[in-house]
């Protein structure tokens, strides 16, 4: 007898200011199912790879015409070498890694309610006032192609060989990170068994 049940993976992202609680982005994201299947298999096989390791930020997911109309590109969710359109910043969110500079605020946690067939992985990432280096002093940029006016981000898995695989990708309207604002990202990945 063959088990025909499966696993569903869904993602949701919330980007907000943790002090004012102003929400900039609140939406679902795309899952890269091929890379996610590799990540799940590598994690379950204790292969030392596959687990969520870093959050990558970019500014190549949209274009804004002179009248302010935003055109959104399609998230990259095919091909094992998929990446952000224009990655400009990366932050380690694996709180067990020595490369994580603030594991209390950049971390992974799992949440499960007994008796349910799903578990959430909550990835928290804080871009503090002083990061990234080189950002504008105030959130008044008129150009959306600045390295720290983000319109895309994704989660990457850990890889011993360097850059991990992109396992999620989300495109959103441009949000500027500047010295005068904190930005908190709560990225939830739900792993659900389709049985039971």
N, C-alpha and C. Protein backbone atom coordinates (compact mmCIF):
# COMPACT_ATOMS: atom_id res chain seq x y z
N UNK A 1 0.84 -1.18 0.00
CA UNK A 1 0.00 0.00 0.00
C UNK A 1 0.89 1.24 0.00
N UNK A 2 0.54 2.19 -0.81
CA UNK A 2 1.34 3.41 -0.93
C UNK A 2 0.64 4.56 -0.22
N UNK A 3 1.40 5.30 0.56
CA UNK A 3 0.86 6.46 1.27
C UNK A 3 0.79 7.63 0.29
N UNK A 4 -0.43 8.11 0.02
CA UNK A 4 -0.59 9.20 -0.96
C UNK A 4 -0.83 10.55 -0.28
N UNK A 5 -0.66 10.59 1.03
CA UNK A 5 -0.79 11.86 1.72
C UNK A 5 0.45 12.70 1.47
N UNK A 6 0.38 13.96 1.73
CA UNK A 6 1.52 14.83 1.44
C UNK A 6 1.76 15.85 2.51
N UNK A 7 2.63 16.79 2.16
CA UNK A 7 2.99 17.88 3.06
C UNK A 7 2.73 19.18 2.32
N UNK A 8 2.08 20.10 2.99
CA UNK A 8 1.83 21.43 2.44
C UNK A 8 2.71 22.42 3.21
N UNK A 9 3.38 23.30 2.48
CA UNK A 9 4.20 24.33 3.11
C UNK A 9 3.66 25.68 2.66
N UNK A 10 3.37 26.55 3.61
CA UNK A 10 2.87 27.88 3.32
C UNK A 10 3.70 28.90 4.08
N UNK A 11 3.76 30.10 3.56
CA UNK A 11 4.52 31.15 4.24
C UNK A 11 3.75 32.44 4.36
N UNK A 12 4.08 33.19 5.37
CA UNK A 12 3.46 34.50 5.61
C UNK A 12 4.52 35.43 6.19
N UNK A 13 4.51 36.68 5.75
CA UNK A 13 5.51 37.64 6.21
C UNK A 13 4.83 38.89 6.74
N UNK A 14 5.37 39.38 7.84
CA UNK A 14 4.92 40.66 8.40
C UNK A 14 6.15 41.51 8.66
N UNK A 15 6.18 42.70 8.07
CA UNK A 15 7.27 43.65 8.27
C UNK A 15 6.67 44.86 8.98
N UNK A 16 7.27 45.23 10.12
CA UNK A 16 6.69 46.30 10.92
C UNK A 16 7.75 46.99 11.75
N UNK A 17 7.38 48.14 12.31
CA UNK A 17 8.23 48.86 13.25
C UNK A 17 7.86 48.38 14.64
N UNK A 18 8.78 47.73 15.36
CA UNK A 18 8.44 47.17 16.67
C UNK A 18 8.16 48.22 17.74
N UNK A 19 8.56 49.47 17.52
CA UNK A 19 8.27 50.51 18.50
C UNK A 19 6.90 51.14 18.28
N UNK A 20 6.61 51.54 17.05
CA UNK A 20 5.32 52.18 16.76
C UNK A 20 4.23 51.16 16.42
N UNK A 21 4.64 49.93 16.12
CA UNK A 21 3.75 48.86 15.66
C UNK A 21 3.14 49.14 14.28
N UNK A 22 3.68 50.12 13.55
CA UNK A 22 3.21 50.39 12.19
C UNK A 22 3.59 49.21 11.30
N UNK A 23 2.61 48.66 10.58
CA UNK A 23 2.83 47.51 9.70
C UNK A 23 3.07 48.01 8.28
N UNK A 24 4.20 47.60 7.69
CA UNK A 24 4.54 47.99 6.33
C UNK A 24 4.07 46.94 5.32
N UNK A 25 4.24 45.66 5.67
CA UNK A 25 3.89 44.55 4.78
C UNK A 25 3.23 43.46 5.62
N UNK A 26 2.17 42.86 5.11
CA UNK A 26 1.50 41.75 5.77
C UNK A 26 0.89 40.90 4.66
N UNK A 27 1.60 39.85 4.23
CA UNK A 27 1.15 39.08 3.07
C UNK A 27 1.75 37.68 3.05
N UNK A 28 1.22 36.85 2.18
CA UNK A 28 1.75 35.50 1.95
C UNK A 28 2.97 35.60 1.03
N UNK A 29 3.77 34.53 1.05
CA UNK A 29 4.94 34.51 0.19
C UNK A 29 4.95 33.24 -0.65
N UNK A 30 5.85 33.20 -1.62
CA UNK A 30 6.02 32.03 -2.49
C UNK A 30 7.01 31.06 -1.85
N UNK A 31 6.71 29.79 -1.98
CA UNK A 31 7.60 28.72 -1.52
C UNK A 31 8.31 28.15 -2.75
N UNK A 32 9.59 27.94 -2.64
CA UNK A 32 10.36 27.27 -3.70
C UNK A 32 10.31 25.78 -3.36
N UNK A 33 9.36 25.05 -3.95
CA UNK A 33 9.08 23.68 -3.52
C UNK A 33 10.23 22.71 -3.78
N UNK A 34 10.96 22.88 -4.87
CA UNK A 34 12.10 21.98 -5.11
C UNK A 34 13.16 22.16 -4.03
N UNK A 35 13.54 23.42 -3.78
CA UNK A 35 14.55 23.67 -2.75
C UNK A 35 14.03 23.34 -1.36
N UNK A 36 12.73 23.54 -1.12
CA UNK A 36 12.15 23.18 0.17
C UNK A 36 12.20 21.67 0.38
N UNK A 37 11.93 20.90 -0.68
CA UNK A 37 12.00 19.43 -0.53
C UNK A 37 13.42 18.99 -0.23
N UNK A 38 14.41 19.63 -0.86
CA UNK A 38 15.81 19.32 -0.56
C UNK A 38 16.14 19.69 0.89
N UNK A 39 15.67 20.86 1.33
CA UNK A 39 15.94 21.32 2.69
C UNK A 39 15.31 20.38 3.72
N UNK A 40 14.07 19.97 3.49
CA UNK A 40 13.41 19.04 4.41
C UNK A 40 14.14 17.70 4.47
N UNK A 41 14.51 17.18 3.30
CA UNK A 41 15.21 15.90 3.27
C UNK A 41 16.58 15.99 3.94
N UNK A 42 17.33 17.06 3.66
CA UNK A 42 18.65 17.22 4.29
C UNK A 42 18.52 17.38 5.80
N UNK A 43 17.49 18.10 6.24
CA UNK A 43 17.29 18.28 7.68
C UNK A 43 16.91 16.96 8.35
N UNK A 44 15.96 16.23 7.74
CA UNK A 44 15.53 14.95 8.32
C UNK A 44 16.64 13.90 8.30
N UNK A 45 17.52 13.98 7.31
CA UNK A 45 18.63 13.02 7.21
C UNK A 45 19.83 13.44 8.05
N UNK A 46 19.70 14.54 8.80
CA UNK A 46 20.78 15.05 9.64
C UNK A 46 22.06 15.22 8.83
N UNK A 47 21.89 15.81 7.64
CA UNK A 47 23.01 15.97 6.71
C UNK A 47 23.84 17.22 7.01
N UNK A 48 23.48 17.98 8.03
CA UNK A 48 24.25 19.17 8.37
C UNK A 48 23.92 20.36 7.49
N UNK A 49 22.91 20.24 6.63
CA UNK A 49 22.48 21.30 5.74
C UNK A 49 20.96 21.31 5.69
N UNK A 50 20.41 22.30 5.03
CA UNK A 50 18.97 22.32 4.77
C UNK A 50 18.17 23.19 5.72
N UNK A 51 18.64 23.40 6.93
CA UNK A 51 17.87 24.19 7.90
C UNK A 51 17.94 25.68 7.54
N UNK A 52 16.93 26.44 7.98
CA UNK A 52 16.89 27.88 7.70
C UNK A 52 18.07 28.54 8.40
N UNK A 53 18.81 29.34 7.64
CA UNK A 53 20.03 29.93 8.16
C UNK A 53 20.05 31.46 8.08
N UNK A 54 19.59 32.02 6.96
CA UNK A 54 19.69 33.46 6.81
C UNK A 54 18.49 34.03 6.06
N UNK A 55 18.30 35.33 6.26
CA UNK A 55 17.29 36.09 5.53
C UNK A 55 18.02 37.03 4.60
N UNK A 56 17.64 37.01 3.34
CA UNK A 56 18.28 37.86 2.34
C UNK A 56 17.31 38.94 1.87
N UNK A 57 17.83 40.14 1.68
CA UNK A 57 17.04 41.30 1.29
C UNK A 57 17.53 41.81 -0.06
N UNK A 58 16.62 42.36 -0.86
CA UNK A 58 17.02 42.89 -2.16
C UNK A 58 16.13 44.02 -2.61
N UNK A 59 16.52 44.63 -3.74
CA UNK A 59 15.76 45.76 -4.27
C UNK A 59 15.43 45.61 -5.74
N UNK A 60 15.34 44.36 -6.22
CA UNK A 60 15.07 44.14 -7.65
C UNK A 60 13.72 43.55 -7.95
N UNK A 61 12.80 43.52 -6.98
CA UNK A 61 11.52 42.86 -7.17
C UNK A 61 10.44 43.70 -7.82
N UNK A 62 10.66 45.01 -7.88
CA UNK A 62 9.63 45.89 -8.45
C UNK A 62 10.28 46.94 -9.33
N UNK A 63 9.45 47.59 -10.11
CA UNK A 63 9.87 48.81 -10.80
C UNK A 63 8.75 49.83 -10.61
N UNK A 64 9.14 51.08 -10.45
CA UNK A 64 8.17 52.15 -10.21
C UNK A 64 8.30 53.15 -11.35
N UNK A 65 7.19 53.39 -12.06
CA UNK A 65 7.26 54.35 -13.17
C UNK A 65 7.14 55.79 -12.64
N UNK A 66 7.36 56.78 -13.48
CA UNK A 66 7.36 58.18 -13.01
C UNK A 66 6.04 58.63 -12.37
N UNK A 67 4.94 57.94 -12.67
CA UNK A 67 3.65 58.31 -12.08
C UNK A 67 3.39 57.59 -10.76
N UNK A 68 4.33 56.71 -10.35
CA UNK A 68 4.17 56.00 -9.08
C UNK A 68 3.54 54.63 -9.20
N UNK A 69 3.25 54.18 -10.42
CA UNK A 69 2.68 52.85 -10.62
C UNK A 69 3.77 51.81 -10.39
N UNK A 70 3.50 50.82 -9.52
CA UNK A 70 4.47 49.78 -9.18
C UNK A 70 4.16 48.52 -9.98
N UNK A 71 5.18 47.99 -10.63
CA UNK A 71 5.08 46.71 -11.33
C UNK A 71 5.86 45.68 -10.53
N UNK A 72 5.21 44.58 -10.19
CA UNK A 72 5.81 43.54 -9.36
C UNK A 72 6.28 42.38 -10.23
N UNK A 73 7.51 41.93 -10.05
CA UNK A 73 8.01 40.76 -10.73
C UNK A 73 7.47 39.51 -10.04
N UNK A 74 7.55 38.38 -10.71
CA UNK A 74 7.12 37.10 -10.16
C UNK A 74 8.20 36.57 -9.23
N UNK A 75 7.85 36.08 -8.04
CA UNK A 75 8.87 35.50 -7.16
C UNK A 75 9.62 34.35 -7.83
N UNK A 76 10.91 34.25 -7.55
CA UNK A 76 11.73 33.17 -8.09
C UNK A 76 11.49 31.91 -7.27
N UNK A 77 10.79 30.95 -7.85
CA UNK A 77 10.47 29.74 -7.11
C UNK A 77 10.71 28.48 -7.93
N UNK A 78 11.59 28.56 -8.93
CA UNK A 78 11.98 27.38 -9.70
C UNK A 78 13.49 27.41 -9.93
N UNK A 79 14.05 26.23 -10.08
CA UNK A 79 15.49 26.09 -10.33
C UNK A 79 16.28 26.11 -9.04
N UNK A 80 17.15 25.14 -8.85
CA UNK A 80 17.89 25.03 -7.58
C UNK A 80 18.82 26.21 -7.33
N UNK A 81 19.18 26.94 -8.37
CA UNK A 81 20.06 28.11 -8.21
C UNK A 81 19.29 29.42 -8.16
N UNK A 82 17.99 29.37 -7.91
CA UNK A 82 17.17 30.59 -7.85
C UNK A 82 17.72 31.52 -6.77
N UNK A 83 17.53 32.81 -6.99
CA UNK A 83 17.98 33.79 -6.01
C UNK A 83 17.08 35.02 -6.10
N UNK A 84 17.33 35.98 -5.24
CA UNK A 84 16.63 37.24 -5.32
C UNK A 84 17.05 37.93 -6.63
N UNK A 85 16.23 38.85 -7.10
CA UNK A 85 16.56 39.56 -8.33
C UNK A 85 17.80 40.42 -8.15
N UNK A 86 17.90 41.10 -7.01
CA UNK A 86 19.08 41.90 -6.74
C UNK A 86 19.32 41.93 -5.22
N UNK A 87 20.03 40.94 -4.74
CA UNK A 87 20.29 40.83 -3.31
C UNK A 87 21.27 41.91 -2.88
N UNK A 88 20.91 42.66 -1.81
CA UNK A 88 21.77 43.75 -1.34
C UNK A 88 22.20 43.59 0.11
N UNK A 89 21.55 42.69 0.86
CA UNK A 89 21.89 42.54 2.27
C UNK A 89 21.43 41.16 2.74
N UNK A 90 22.19 40.57 3.65
CA UNK A 90 21.85 39.27 4.21
C UNK A 90 22.12 39.30 5.70
N UNK A 91 21.26 38.63 6.45
CA UNK A 91 21.42 38.57 7.90
C UNK A 91 21.19 37.14 8.37
N UNK A 92 22.10 36.64 9.21
CA UNK A 92 21.96 35.29 9.77
C UNK A 92 20.86 35.32 10.83
N UNK A 93 19.92 34.38 10.71
CA UNK A 93 18.81 34.29 11.66
C UNK A 93 18.83 32.99 12.45
N UNK A 94 19.78 32.11 12.16
CA UNK A 94 19.95 30.88 12.94
C UNK A 94 20.57 31.26 14.27
N UNK A 95 19.78 31.19 15.34
CA UNK A 95 20.26 31.65 16.65
C UNK A 95 21.28 30.71 17.28
N UNK A 96 21.58 29.57 16.65
CA UNK A 96 22.61 28.67 17.15
C UNK A 96 23.96 28.91 16.46
N UNK A 97 23.96 29.81 15.49
CA UNK A 97 25.18 30.07 14.72
C UNK A 97 26.05 31.12 15.40
N UNK A 98 27.36 30.90 15.36
CA UNK A 98 28.30 31.90 15.89
C UNK A 98 28.32 33.15 15.02
N UNK A 99 27.77 33.06 13.79
CA UNK A 99 27.73 34.20 12.88
C UNK A 99 26.53 35.11 13.12
N UNK A 100 25.64 34.71 14.02
CA UNK A 100 24.48 35.53 14.36
C UNK A 100 24.92 36.55 15.41
N UNK A 101 24.85 37.84 15.05
CA UNK A 101 25.35 38.90 15.93
C UNK A 101 24.38 39.27 17.05
N UNK A 102 23.13 38.83 16.96
CA UNK A 102 22.13 39.16 17.98
C UNK A 102 21.09 38.04 18.06
N UNK A 103 21.48 36.87 18.62
CA UNK A 103 20.58 35.71 18.61
C UNK A 103 19.32 35.88 19.46
N UNK A 104 19.27 36.88 20.33
CA UNK A 104 18.05 37.11 21.11
C UNK A 104 16.94 37.72 20.25
N UNK A 105 17.33 38.47 19.20
CA UNK A 105 16.33 39.14 18.37
C UNK A 105 16.29 38.64 16.93
N UNK A 106 17.26 37.83 16.55
CA UNK A 106 17.30 37.22 15.22
C UNK A 106 17.35 35.72 15.45
N UNK A 107 16.19 35.07 15.29
CA UNK A 107 16.11 33.70 15.78
C UNK A 107 15.04 32.90 15.05
N UNK A 108 15.09 31.61 15.29
CA UNK A 108 14.12 30.65 14.77
C UNK A 108 13.43 30.00 15.96
N UNK A 109 12.14 29.78 15.83
CA UNK A 109 11.44 29.00 16.84
C UNK A 109 10.34 28.20 16.18
N UNK A 110 10.01 27.07 16.76
CA UNK A 110 8.91 26.26 16.25
C UNK A 110 7.74 26.38 17.22
N UNK A 111 6.55 26.38 16.65
CA UNK A 111 5.33 26.47 17.45
C UNK A 111 4.38 25.37 16.98
N UNK A 112 3.95 24.56 17.93
CA UNK A 112 3.04 23.46 17.61
C UNK A 112 1.98 23.35 18.70
N UNK A 113 0.75 23.15 18.28
CA UNK A 113 -0.35 22.91 19.22
C UNK A 113 -0.65 21.41 19.17
N UNK A 114 -0.54 20.76 20.30
CA UNK A 114 -0.77 19.31 20.38
C UNK A 114 -2.12 18.95 19.78
N UNK A 115 -2.13 17.91 18.96
CA UNK A 115 -3.36 17.44 18.34
C UNK A 115 -3.61 18.00 16.95
N UNK A 116 -2.80 18.98 16.52
CA UNK A 116 -2.96 19.53 15.17
C UNK A 116 -1.95 18.88 14.23
N UNK A 117 -2.17 19.03 12.92
CA UNK A 117 -1.28 18.41 11.94
C UNK A 117 -0.36 19.42 11.26
N UNK A 118 -0.05 20.50 11.96
CA UNK A 118 0.87 21.50 11.40
C UNK A 118 1.78 22.04 12.50
N UNK A 119 2.92 22.54 12.07
CA UNK A 119 3.88 23.20 12.95
C UNK A 119 4.39 24.44 12.23
N UNK A 120 4.46 25.54 12.96
CA UNK A 120 4.97 26.78 12.38
C UNK A 120 6.42 26.99 12.77
N UNK A 121 7.20 27.43 11.79
CA UNK A 121 8.56 27.91 12.04
C UNK A 121 8.46 29.43 11.97
N UNK A 122 8.77 30.10 13.06
CA UNK A 122 8.71 31.56 13.09
C UNK A 122 10.14 32.09 13.06
N UNK A 123 10.44 32.81 12.00
CA UNK A 123 11.76 33.40 11.81
C UNK A 123 11.66 34.88 12.14
N UNK A 124 12.38 35.32 13.15
CA UNK A 124 12.37 36.73 13.55
C UNK A 124 13.70 37.36 13.16
N UNK A 125 13.60 38.54 12.56
CA UNK A 125 14.80 39.27 12.14
C UNK A 125 14.58 40.76 12.41
N UNK A 126 15.51 41.36 13.12
CA UNK A 126 15.43 42.79 13.42
C UNK A 126 16.56 43.53 12.72
N UNK A 127 16.19 44.53 11.92
CA UNK A 127 17.19 45.44 11.36
C UNK A 127 17.22 46.63 12.30
N UNK A 128 18.28 46.70 13.10
CA UNK A 128 18.40 47.71 14.14
C UNK A 128 18.72 49.08 13.52
N UNK A 129 18.72 50.11 14.34
CA UNK A 129 18.96 51.47 13.85
C UNK A 129 20.25 51.57 13.03
N UNK A 130 21.34 50.99 13.51
CA UNK A 130 22.63 51.15 12.87
C UNK A 130 22.93 50.18 11.75
N UNK A 131 21.98 49.37 11.36
CA UNK A 131 22.25 48.41 10.29
C UNK A 131 21.19 48.47 9.21
N UNK A 132 21.60 48.21 7.99
CA UNK A 132 22.95 47.92 7.51
C UNK A 132 23.80 49.18 7.39
N UNK A 133 25.11 48.98 7.33
CA UNK A 133 26.03 50.10 7.17
C UNK A 133 25.78 50.78 5.83
N UNK A 134 25.85 52.10 5.82
CA UNK A 134 25.70 52.85 4.57
C UNK A 134 24.28 53.29 4.27
N UNK A 135 23.34 53.03 5.16
CA UNK A 135 21.95 53.44 4.92
C UNK A 135 21.79 54.95 5.07
N UNK A 136 20.70 55.47 4.50
CA UNK A 136 20.40 56.90 4.63
C UNK A 136 20.04 57.23 6.08
N UNK A 137 20.19 58.50 6.45
CA UNK A 137 19.87 58.93 7.80
C UNK A 137 18.37 58.95 8.05
N UNK A 138 17.58 59.30 7.01
CA UNK A 138 16.13 59.41 7.17
C UNK A 138 15.41 58.63 6.07
N UNK A 139 14.18 58.26 6.34
CA UNK A 139 13.40 57.46 5.40
C UNK A 139 12.68 58.34 4.38
N UNK A 140 13.47 59.13 3.65
CA UNK A 140 12.91 60.08 2.68
C UNK A 140 13.47 59.85 1.28
N UNK A 141 13.98 58.67 1.00
CA UNK A 141 14.57 58.41 -0.31
C UNK A 141 13.52 58.54 -1.40
N UNK A 142 13.89 59.19 -2.48
CA UNK A 142 12.97 59.31 -3.62
C UNK A 142 13.25 58.23 -4.66
N UNK A 143 14.45 57.68 -4.64
CA UNK A 143 14.80 56.62 -5.59
C UNK A 143 14.57 55.25 -4.95
N UNK A 144 13.94 54.36 -5.70
CA UNK A 144 13.66 53.03 -5.16
C UNK A 144 14.77 52.03 -5.46
N UNK A 145 15.84 52.48 -6.14
CA UNK A 145 16.93 51.56 -6.44
C UNK A 145 18.08 51.68 -5.44
N UNK A 146 17.86 52.38 -4.35
CA UNK A 146 18.85 52.45 -3.27
C UNK A 146 19.06 51.04 -2.71
N UNK A 147 20.28 50.69 -2.32
CA UNK A 147 20.52 49.33 -1.80
C UNK A 147 19.66 48.96 -0.60
N UNK A 148 19.19 49.96 0.15
CA UNK A 148 18.43 49.65 1.36
C UNK A 148 16.98 50.10 1.30
N UNK A 149 16.47 50.24 0.07
CA UNK A 149 15.03 50.33 -0.15
C UNK A 149 14.64 48.95 -0.64
N UNK A 150 14.17 48.12 0.30
CA UNK A 150 13.92 46.71 0.01
C UNK A 150 12.53 46.50 -0.60
N UNK A 151 12.46 45.60 -1.59
CA UNK A 151 11.17 45.21 -2.15
C UNK A 151 11.08 43.70 -2.37
N UNK A 152 12.05 42.98 -1.85
CA UNK A 152 12.04 41.52 -1.93
C UNK A 152 12.88 40.96 -0.80
N UNK A 153 12.50 39.80 -0.35
CA UNK A 153 13.33 39.07 0.60
C UNK A 153 13.01 37.61 0.54
N UNK A 154 13.93 36.82 1.05
CA UNK A 154 13.75 35.37 1.04
C UNK A 154 14.53 34.72 2.16
N UNK A 155 14.14 33.50 2.47
CA UNK A 155 14.86 32.68 3.43
C UNK A 155 15.77 31.74 2.66
N UNK A 156 16.97 31.56 3.18
CA UNK A 156 17.94 30.64 2.58
C UNK A 156 18.30 29.56 3.58
N UNK A 157 18.52 28.36 3.05
CA UNK A 157 18.95 27.25 3.90
C UNK A 157 20.46 27.30 4.09
N UNK A 158 20.93 26.58 5.09
CA UNK A 158 22.37 26.51 5.34
C UNK A 158 23.03 25.57 4.34
N UNK A 159 24.22 25.92 3.91
CA UNK A 159 25.02 25.07 3.03
C UNK A 159 26.47 25.14 3.48
N UNK A 160 27.12 23.98 3.57
CA UNK A 160 28.54 23.94 3.92
C UNK A 160 29.40 24.60 2.86
N UNK A 161 28.90 24.66 1.63
CA UNK A 161 29.70 25.18 0.53
C UNK A 161 29.57 26.69 0.32
N UNK A 162 28.76 27.35 1.12
CA UNK A 162 28.62 28.81 0.97
C UNK A 162 27.17 29.22 0.96
N UNK A 163 26.75 29.92 -0.10
CA UNK A 163 25.39 30.43 -0.18
C UNK A 163 24.38 29.29 -0.23
N UNK A 164 23.43 29.32 0.69
CA UNK A 164 22.40 28.28 0.73
C UNK A 164 21.34 28.50 -0.33
N UNK A 165 20.50 27.50 -0.48
CA UNK A 165 19.43 27.55 -1.46
C UNK A 165 18.30 28.48 -0.99
N UNK A 166 17.71 29.20 -1.94
CA UNK A 166 16.55 30.04 -1.67
C UNK A 166 15.34 29.13 -1.50
N UNK A 167 14.70 29.18 -0.32
CA UNK A 167 13.54 28.31 -0.08
C UNK A 167 12.22 29.08 -0.05
N UNK A 168 12.27 30.39 0.11
CA UNK A 168 11.08 31.22 0.00
C UNK A 168 11.48 32.53 -0.68
N UNK A 169 10.50 33.20 -1.27
CA UNK A 169 10.75 34.48 -1.91
C UNK A 169 9.46 35.29 -1.88
N UNK A 170 9.55 36.52 -1.50
CA UNK A 170 8.38 37.39 -1.48
C UNK A 170 8.76 38.75 -2.07
N UNK A 171 7.84 39.28 -2.87
CA UNK A 171 8.00 40.58 -3.51
C UNK A 171 6.93 41.50 -2.90
N UNK A 172 7.30 42.75 -2.60
CA UNK A 172 6.36 43.67 -1.97
C UNK A 172 6.70 45.10 -2.38
N UNK A 173 5.82 46.04 -2.04
CA UNK A 173 6.10 47.44 -2.39
C UNK A 173 7.35 47.89 -1.62
N UNK A 174 8.13 48.80 -2.19
CA UNK A 174 9.40 49.21 -1.57
C UNK A 174 9.24 49.77 -0.15
N UNK A 175 10.14 49.33 0.73
CA UNK A 175 10.20 49.78 2.12
C UNK A 175 11.64 50.20 2.40
N UNK A 176 11.84 51.43 2.85
CA UNK A 176 13.19 51.92 3.10
C UNK A 176 13.64 51.62 4.52
N UNK A 177 14.86 51.09 4.64
CA UNK A 177 15.52 50.95 5.94
C UNK A 177 16.48 52.12 6.05
N UNK A 178 16.31 52.92 7.10
CA UNK A 178 17.16 54.08 7.34
C UNK A 178 17.52 54.14 8.81
N UNK A 179 18.46 55.02 9.14
CA UNK A 179 18.94 55.13 10.52
C UNK A 179 17.86 55.49 11.53
N UNK A 180 16.80 56.16 11.08
CA UNK A 180 15.77 56.62 12.01
C UNK A 180 14.65 55.60 12.25
N UNK A 181 14.79 54.38 11.73
CA UNK A 181 13.71 53.41 11.94
C UNK A 181 14.23 51.99 12.16
N UNK A 182 13.55 51.31 13.05
CA UNK A 182 13.74 49.88 13.24
C UNK A 182 12.81 49.15 12.28
N UNK A 183 13.25 48.02 11.78
CA UNK A 183 12.35 47.19 10.98
C UNK A 183 12.45 45.76 11.51
N UNK A 184 11.30 45.22 11.89
CA UNK A 184 11.19 43.84 12.37
C UNK A 184 10.49 43.02 11.30
N UNK A 185 11.04 41.85 11.02
CA UNK A 185 10.41 40.93 10.08
C UNK A 185 10.07 39.66 10.85
N UNK A 186 8.80 39.29 10.82
CA UNK A 186 8.35 38.00 11.35
C UNK A 186 7.89 37.18 10.16
N UNK A 187 8.63 36.12 9.87
CA UNK A 187 8.41 35.30 8.69
C UNK A 187 7.97 33.93 9.18
N UNK A 188 6.74 33.56 8.92
CA UNK A 188 6.21 32.28 9.39
C UNK A 188 6.13 31.29 8.23
N UNK A 189 6.71 30.12 8.43
CA UNK A 189 6.61 29.03 7.47
C UNK A 189 5.83 27.91 8.15
N UNK A 190 4.68 27.58 7.61
CA UNK A 190 3.85 26.51 8.17
C UNK A 190 4.06 25.22 7.40
N UNK A 191 4.43 24.17 8.11
CA UNK A 191 4.59 22.84 7.54
C UNK A 191 3.42 22.01 8.02
N UNK A 192 2.60 21.54 7.08
CA UNK A 192 1.36 20.86 7.45
C UNK A 192 1.27 19.52 6.76
N UNK A 193 0.98 18.49 7.53
CA UNK A 193 0.72 17.17 6.97
C UNK A 193 -0.70 17.16 6.43
N UNK A 194 -0.89 16.62 5.24
CA UNK A 194 -2.22 16.58 4.64
C UNK A 194 -3.00 15.33 5.07
N UNK A 195 -2.42 14.55 5.98
CA UNK A 195 -3.11 13.39 6.54
C UNK A 195 -3.74 13.77 7.86
N UNK A 196 -4.80 13.09 8.22
CA UNK A 196 -5.39 13.22 9.55
C UNK A 196 -6.10 14.52 9.72
